[in-house]
Amino acid sequence: MKIDDSLTGASSVRTQKTRTGKGKYSTSPVNTSTTQDSVEITQTSTHLSMLEDKLSNLDTSESSKLDAVKQAIAEGSFHVDEEAVADALVQNSMESLKRQGRK
């Protein structure tokens, strides 16, 4: 993507609405060319960016397990252990509630 720098150096002009009387307003230009923007990247942001890069490079698929599940579904022999799923959901919910309590 190319960024167009044709506006560099051009002053931007905004108008400011001021009250001149009961129910009456006037607009006057406000010069914003003297304001400067700055960006500060915190250590947390840098760390987050590094973690995102690491996560994007992880291989999250175990092809042998996926193939076995696909085959079991196709054959109609795939079985869901409802108790294990329920236990995992309860455990996850408890951990989530504990994290919320610490905030």
C-alpha atoms as a PDB file:
ATOM      1  CA  MET A   1       0.000   0.000   0.000  1.00  0.00           C
ATOM      2  CA  LYS A   2       1.369   3.402  -0.912  1.00  0.00           C
ATOM      3  CA  ILE A   3       0.810   6.397   1.348  1.00  0.00           C
ATOM      4  CA  ASP A   4       0.180   9.712  -0.331  1.00  0.00           C
ATOM      5  CA  ASP A   5       2.369  12.420   1.235  1.00  0.00           C
ATOM      6  CA  SER A   6       0.902  15.225  -0.846  1.00  0.00           C
ATOM      7  CA  LEU A   7      -0.598  16.917   2.239  1.00  0.00           C
ATOM      8  CA  THR A   8       2.695  17.132   4.127  1.00  0.00           C
ATOM      9  CA  GLY A   9       3.284  20.694   5.248  1.00  0.00           C
ATOM     10  CA  ALA A  10      -0.249  21.834   4.502  1.00  0.00           C
ATOM     11  CA  SER A  11      -1.925  23.384   7.489  1.00  0.00           C
ATOM     12  CA  SER A  12      -5.237  21.928   8.429  1.00  0.00           C
ATOM     13  CA  VAL A  13      -8.045  24.298   9.235  1.00  0.00           C
ATOM     14  CA  ARG A  14     -10.955  23.503  11.511  1.00  0.00           C
ATOM     15  CA  THR A  15     -13.793  25.729  12.545  1.00  0.00           C
ATOM     16  CA  GLN A  16     -14.748  26.356  16.121  1.00  0.00           C
ATOM     17  CA  LYS A  17     -18.350  27.043  16.977  1.00  0.00           C
ATOM     18  CA  THR A  18     -18.728  29.771  19.619  1.00  0.00           C
ATOM     19  CA  ARG A  19     -21.834  31.133  21.231  1.00  0.00           C
ATOM     20  CA  THR A  20     -22.369  34.833  20.560  1.00  0.00           C
ATOM     21  CA  GLY A  21     -25.735  35.283  22.193  1.00  0.00           C
ATOM     22  CA  LYS A  22     -28.883  33.488  23.163  1.00  0.00           C
ATOM     23  CA  GLY A  23     -29.360  30.800  20.525  1.00  0.00           C
ATOM     24  CA  LYS A  24     -26.819  32.399  18.154  1.00  0.00           C
ATOM     25  CA  TYR A  25     -23.506  30.858  17.138  1.00  0.00           C
ATOM     26  CA  SER A  26     -20.621  31.926  14.939  1.00  0.00           C
ATOM     27  CA  THR A  27     -17.816  29.861  13.489  1.00  0.00           C
ATOM     28  CA  SER A  28     -14.202  30.913  13.354  1.00  0.00           C
ATOM     29  CA  PRO A  29     -11.217  29.077  11.901  1.00  0.00           C
ATOM     30  CA  VAL A  30      -8.876  27.339  14.331  1.00  0.00           C
ATOM     31  CA  ASN A  31      -5.295  26.813  13.183  1.00  0.00           C
ATOM     32  CA  THR A  32      -4.188  23.272  14.017  1.00  0.00           C
ATOM     33  CA  SER A  33      -0.861  23.334  12.189  1.00  0.00           C
ATOM     34  CA  THR A  34       1.074  23.825  15.440  1.00  0.00           C
ATOM     35  CA  THR A  35      -0.192  20.651  17.111  1.00  0.00           C
ATOM     36  CA  GLN A  36       2.071  17.641  16.992  1.00  0.00           C
ATOM     37  CA  ASP A  37       1.027  14.032  17.234  1.00  0.00           C
ATOM     38  CA  SER A  38       3.160  11.469  18.961  1.00  0.00           C
ATOM     39  CA  VAL A  39       3.014   7.721  19.351  1.00  0.00           C
ATOM     40  CA  GLU A  40       4.491   5.793  22.240  1.00  0.00           C
ATOM     41  CA  ILE A  41       4.850   2.030  22.044  1.00  0.00           C
ATOM     42  CA  THR A  42       4.853   0.565  25.503  1.00  0.00           C
ATOM     43  CA  GLN A  43       6.794  -2.466  26.627  1.00  0.00           C
ATOM     44  CA  THR A  44       3.504  -4.333  27.019  1.00  0.00           C
ATOM     45  CA  SER A  45       2.577  -3.583  23.425  1.00  0.00           C
ATOM     46  CA  THR A  46       5.958  -4.779  22.209  1.00  0.00           C
ATOM     47  CA  HIS A  47       5.603  -7.969  24.255  1.00  0.00           C
ATOM     48  CA  LEU A  48       2.077  -8.519  22.911  1.00  0.00           C
ATOM     49  CA  SER A  49       3.308  -8.140  19.356  1.00  0.00           C
ATOM     50  CA  MET A  50       6.076 -10.682  19.988  1.00  0.00           C
ATOM     51  CA  LEU A  51       3.573 -13.170  21.458  1.00  0.00           C
ATOM     52  CA  GLU A  52       1.230 -12.720  18.487  1.00  0.00           C
ATOM     53  CA  ASP A  53       4.114 -13.528  16.138  1.00  0.00           C
ATOM     54  CA  LYS A  54       4.954 -16.667  18.109  1.00  0.00           C
ATOM     55  CA  LEU A  55       1.321 -17.806  18.192  1.00  0.00           C
ATOM     56  CA  SER A  56       0.893 -17.299  14.461  1.00  0.00           C
ATOM     57  CA  ASN A  57       3.827 -19.645  13.833  1.00  0.00           C
ATOM     58  CA  LEU A  58       2.495 -22.483  16.002  1.00  0.00           C
ATOM     59  CA  ASP A  59       1.186 -25.564  14.275  1.00  0.00           C
ATOM     60  CA  THR A  60      -2.234 -26.033  15.844  1.00  0.00           C
ATOM     61  CA  SER A  61      -3.328 -28.987  13.795  1.00  0.00           C
ATOM     62  CA  GLU A  62      -2.371 -32.523  14.531  1.00  0.00           C
ATOM     63  CA  SER A  63      -3.206 -34.079  11.206  1.00  0.00           C
ATOM     64  CA  SER A  64      -3.258 -37.653  12.486  1.00  0.00           C
ATOM     65  CA  LYS A  65      -5.868 -36.820  15.154  1.00  0.00           C
ATOM     66  CA  LEU A  66      -7.914 -34.788  12.698  1.00  0.00           C
ATOM     67  CA  ASP A  67      -7.850 -37.595  10.156  1.00  0.00           C
ATOM     68  CA  ALA A  68      -8.925 -40.129  12.807  1.00  0.00           C
ATOM     69  CA  VAL A  69     -11.849 -37.936  13.901  1.00  0.00           C
ATOM     70  CA  LYS A  70     -12.906 -37.320  10.289  1.00  0.00           C
ATOM     71  CA  GLN A  71     -12.813 -41.030   9.579  1.00  0.00           C
ATOM     72  CA  ALA A  72     -14.789 -41.894  12.736  1.00  0.00           C
ATOM     73  CA  ILE A  73     -17.442 -39.307  11.839  1.00  0.00           C
ATOM     74  CA  ALA A  74     -17.655 -40.638   8.283  1.00  0.00           C
ATOM     75  CA  GLU A  75     -18.065 -44.203   9.586  1.00  0.00           C
ATOM     76  CA  GLY A  76     -20.588 -43.138  12.215  1.00  0.00           C
ATOM     77  CA  SER A  77     -18.427 -44.448  15.055  1.00  0.00           C
ATOM     78  CA  PHE A  78     -17.429 -41.112  16.561  1.00  0.00           C
ATOM     79  CA  HIS A  79     -18.408 -41.006  20.237  1.00  0.00           C
ATOM     80  CA  VAL A  80     -18.522 -37.878  22.398  1.00  0.00           C
ATOM     81  CA  ASP A  81     -17.747 -38.386  26.088  1.00  0.00           C
ATOM     82  CA  GLU A  82     -20.442 -36.112  27.522  1.00  0.00           C
ATOM     83  CA  GLU A  83     -19.026 -36.314  31.044  1.00  0.00           C
ATOM     84  CA  ALA A  84     -15.559 -35.211  29.922  1.00  0.00           C
ATOM     85  CA  VAL A  85     -17.045 -32.318  27.930  1.00  0.00           C
ATOM     86  CA  ALA A  86     -19.198 -31.242  30.877  1.00  0.00           C
ATOM     87  CA  ASP A  87     -16.238 -31.420  33.278  1.00  0.00           C
ATOM     88  CA  ALA A  88     -14.099 -29.330  30.928  1.00  0.00           C
ATOM     89  CA  LEU A  89     -16.879 -26.729  30.538  1.00  0.00           C
ATOM     90  CA  VAL A  90     -17.321 -26.438  34.307  1.00  0.00           C
ATOM     91  CA  GLN A  91     -13.570 -26.179  34.869  1.00  0.00           C
ATOM     92  CA  ASN A  92     -13.243 -23.515  32.173  1.00  0.00           C
ATOM     93  CA  SER A  93     -16.143 -21.534  33.636  1.00  0.00           C
ATOM     94  CA  MET A  94     -14.655 -21.672  37.133  1.00  0.00           C
ATOM     95  CA  GLU A  95     -11.267 -20.444  35.876  1.00  0.00           C
ATOM     96  CA  SER A  96     -12.956 -17.639  33.940  1.00  0.00           C
ATOM     97  CA  LEU A  97     -14.884 -16.519  37.025  1.00  0.00           C
ATOM     98  CA  LYS A  98     -11.721 -16.561  39.123  1.00  0.00           C
ATOM     99  CA  ARG A  99      -9.929 -14.364  36.557  1.00  0.00           C
ATOM    100  CA  GLN A 100     -12.840 -11.911  36.521  1.00  0.00           C
ATOM    101  CA  GLY A 101     -12.745 -11.706  40.311  1.00  0.00           C
ATOM    102  CA  ARG A 102      -9.081 -10.655  40.249  1.00  0.00           C
ATOM    103  CA  LYS A 103      -9.684  -7.700  37.921  1.00  0.00           C
END
